[in-house]
Amino acid sequence: MTNSYEELISSFESKLERLISEYESLKSQNALLQAELNRKENEVKHAHKKELEIQENYDHLRMARYLNVSPKERKISKQYINKLVREIDKCLALLDE
């Protein structure tokens, strides 16, 4: 009877050691995945910031192109700028609400 209990205890101890080992392995794997996730999130933030900068530069170049044109094109540019000003005014009005 004692032999049976010793076998159960031995079996339980080995299973517990295996469980602890798997837990430690998963814990370290989780830490690696968290670090990778943080790295990827930073990359996405950087890419988004870069995209906004590129879009802003594109808008500036487009506006500069409209300003360096013939009188007819200058009139179109003036209309475009007026449209932008109206959009800004609308946004400001929405912010004041």
C-alpha atoms as a PDB file:
ATOM      1  CA  MET A   1       0.000   0.000   0.000  1.00  0.00           C
ATOM      2  CA  THR A   2       2.846   2.390   0.845  1.00  0.00           C
ATOM      3  CA  ASN A   3       4.470   1.608  -2.474  1.00  0.00           C
ATOM      4  CA  SER A   4       1.286   2.717  -4.279  1.00  0.00           C
ATOM      5  CA  TYR A   5       1.249   6.053  -2.435  1.00  0.00           C
ATOM      6  CA  GLU A   6       4.916   6.611  -3.181  1.00  0.00           C
ATOM      7  CA  GLU A   7       4.251   5.975  -6.870  1.00  0.00           C
ATOM      8  CA  LEU A   8       1.342   8.431  -6.821  1.00  0.00           C
ATOM      9  CA  ILE A   9       3.454  11.059  -5.068  1.00  0.00           C
ATOM     10  CA  SER A  10       6.339  10.478  -7.466  1.00  0.00           C
ATOM     11  CA  SER A  11       3.998  10.706 -10.446  1.00  0.00           C
ATOM     12  CA  PHE A  12       2.433  13.878  -9.038  1.00  0.00           C
ATOM     13  CA  GLU A  13       5.843  15.456  -8.451  1.00  0.00           C
ATOM     14  CA  SER A  14       7.032  14.697 -11.967  1.00  0.00           C
ATOM     15  CA  LYS A  15       3.807  16.089 -13.454  1.00  0.00           C
ATOM     16  CA  LEU A  16       4.105  19.179 -11.261  1.00  0.00           C
ATOM     17  CA  GLU A  17       7.725  19.718 -12.350  1.00  0.00           C
ATOM     18  CA  ARG A  18       6.691  19.364 -15.996  1.00  0.00           C
ATOM     19  CA  LEU A  19       3.835  21.820 -15.429  1.00  0.00           C
ATOM     20  CA  ILE A  20       6.175  24.330 -13.780  1.00  0.00           C
ATOM     21  CA  SER A  21       8.653  23.919 -16.625  1.00  0.00           C
ATOM     22  CA  GLU A  22       5.939  24.512 -19.227  1.00  0.00           C
ATOM     23  CA  TYR A  23       4.711  27.533 -17.257  1.00  0.00           C
ATOM     24  CA  GLU A  24       8.210  29.055 -17.219  1.00  0.00           C
ATOM     25  CA  SER A  25       8.604  28.365 -20.920  1.00  0.00           C
ATOM     26  CA  LEU A  26       5.262  30.000 -21.710  1.00  0.00           C
ATOM     27  CA  LYS A  27       6.104  32.910 -19.436  1.00  0.00           C
ATOM     28  CA  SER A  28       9.342  33.616 -21.309  1.00  0.00           C
ATOM     29  CA  GLN A  29       7.592  33.147 -24.657  1.00  0.00           C
ATOM     30  CA  ASN A  30       4.939  35.634 -23.563  1.00  0.00           C
ATOM     31  CA  ALA A  31       7.622  38.163 -22.625  1.00  0.00           C
ATOM     32  CA  LEU A  32       9.205  37.783 -26.063  1.00  0.00           C
ATOM     33  CA  LEU A  33       5.852  38.214 -27.765  1.00  0.00           C
ATOM     34  CA  GLN A  34       5.077  41.296 -25.677  1.00  0.00           C
ATOM     35  CA  ALA A  35       8.412  42.826 -26.661  1.00  0.00           C
ATOM     36  CA  GLU A  36       7.725  42.034 -30.321  1.00  0.00           C
ATOM     37  CA  LEU A  37       4.259  43.559 -30.041  1.00  0.00           C
ATOM     38  CA  ASN A  38       5.697  46.748 -28.543  1.00  0.00           C
ATOM     39  CA  ARG A  39       8.275  46.909 -31.330  1.00  0.00           C
ATOM     40  CA  LYS A  40       5.605  46.465 -33.993  1.00  0.00           C
ATOM     41  CA  GLU A  41       3.368  49.088 -32.377  1.00  0.00           C
ATOM     42  CA  ASN A  42       6.274  51.543 -32.426  1.00  0.00           C
ATOM     43  CA  GLU A  43       6.918  50.731 -36.082  1.00  0.00           C
ATOM     44  CA  VAL A  44       3.265  51.370 -36.917  1.00  0.00           C
ATOM     45  CA  LYS A  45       3.311  54.688 -35.028  1.00  0.00           C
ATOM     46  CA  HIS A  46       6.481  55.707 -36.843  1.00  0.00           C
ATOM     47  CA  ALA A  47       5.034  54.717 -40.213  1.00  0.00           C
ATOM     48  CA  HIS A  48       1.827  56.623 -39.491  1.00  0.00           C
ATOM     49  CA  LYS A  49       3.800  59.708 -38.472  1.00  0.00           C
ATOM     50  CA  LYS A  50       5.887  59.421 -41.635  1.00  0.00           C
ATOM     51  CA  GLU A  51       2.722  59.070 -43.710  1.00  0.00           C
ATOM     52  CA  LEU A  52       1.299  62.255 -42.182  1.00  0.00           C
ATOM     53  CA  GLU A  53       4.534  64.122 -42.920  1.00  0.00           C
ATOM     54  CA  ILE A  54       4.530  62.919 -46.512  1.00  0.00           C
ATOM     55  CA  GLN A  55       0.883  63.904 -46.933  1.00  0.00           C
ATOM     56  CA  GLU A  56       1.606  67.346 -45.505  1.00  0.00           C
ATOM     57  CA  ASN A  57       4.585  67.786 -47.841  1.00  0.00           C
ATOM     58  CA  TYR A  58       2.463  66.679 -50.772  1.00  0.00           C
ATOM     59  CA  ASP A  59      -0.220  69.202 -49.851  1.00  0.00           C
ATOM     60  CA  HIS A  60       2.401  71.953 -49.627  1.00  0.00           C
ATOM     61  CA  LEU A  61       3.867  71.016 -52.997  1.00  0.00           C
ATOM     62  CA  ARG A  62       0.424  70.922 -54.548  1.00  0.00           C
ATOM     63  CA  MET A  63      -0.355  74.344 -53.111  1.00  0.00           C
ATOM     64  CA  ALA A  64       2.995  75.697 -54.348  1.00  0.00           C
ATOM     65  CA  ARG A  65       2.223  74.372 -57.801  1.00  0.00           C
ATOM     66  CA  TYR A  66      -1.049  76.265 -57.770  1.00  0.00           C
ATOM     67  CA  LEU A  67       0.717  79.487 -56.811  1.00  0.00           C
ATOM     68  CA  ASN A  68       3.346  79.343 -59.577  1.00  0.00           C
ATOM     69  CA  VAL A  69       1.078  79.399 -62.601  1.00  0.00           C
ATOM     70  CA  SER A  70      -0.520  81.643 -65.188  1.00  0.00           C
ATOM     71  CA  PRO A  71      -3.216  84.226 -64.294  1.00  0.00           C
ATOM     72  CA  LYS A  72      -5.974  81.799 -65.275  1.00  0.00           C
ATOM     73  CA  GLU A  73      -4.484  79.070 -63.151  1.00  0.00           C
ATOM     74  CA  ARG A  74      -3.867  81.604 -60.382  1.00  0.00           C
ATOM     75  CA  LYS A  75      -7.628  82.265 -60.287  1.00  0.00           C
ATOM     76  CA  ILE A  76      -8.225  78.532 -59.881  1.00  0.00           C
ATOM     77  CA  SER A  77      -5.598  78.482 -57.141  1.00  0.00           C
ATOM     78  CA  LYS A  78      -7.281  81.360 -55.367  1.00  0.00           C
ATOM     79  CA  GLN A  79     -10.572  79.475 -55.470  1.00  0.00           C
ATOM     80  CA  TYR A  80      -8.845  76.403 -54.051  1.00  0.00           C
ATOM     81  CA  ILE A  81      -7.303  78.427 -51.230  1.00  0.00           C
ATOM     82  CA  ASN A  82     -10.664  80.009 -50.490  1.00  0.00           C
ATOM     83  CA  LYS A  83     -12.157  76.518 -50.312  1.00  0.00           C
ATOM     84  CA  LEU A  84      -9.440  75.485 -47.857  1.00  0.00           C
ATOM     85  CA  VAL A  85     -10.108  78.567 -45.731  1.00  0.00           C
ATOM     86  CA  ARG A  86     -13.834  77.762 -45.665  1.00  0.00           C
ATOM     87  CA  GLU A  87     -13.028  74.187 -44.568  1.00  0.00           C
ATOM     88  CA  ILE A  88     -10.796  75.517 -41.810  1.00  0.00           C
ATOM     89  CA  ASP A  89     -13.529  77.908 -40.707  1.00  0.00           C
ATOM     90  CA  LYS A  90     -16.015  75.031 -40.571  1.00  0.00           C
ATOM     91  CA  CYS A  91     -13.597  72.966 -38.497  1.00  0.00           C
ATOM     92  CA  LEU A  92     -13.031  75.854 -36.113  1.00  0.00           C
ATOM     93  CA  ALA A  93     -16.755  76.357 -35.783  1.00  0.00           C
ATOM     94  CA  LEU A  94     -17.177  72.669 -34.939  1.00  0.00           C
ATOM     95  CA  LEU A  95     -14.443  72.914 -32.334  1.00  0.00           C
ATOM     96  CA  ASP A  96     -16.136  75.907 -30.721  1.00  0.00           C
ATOM     97  CA  GLU A  97     -19.364  73.975 -30.247  1.00  0.00           C
END
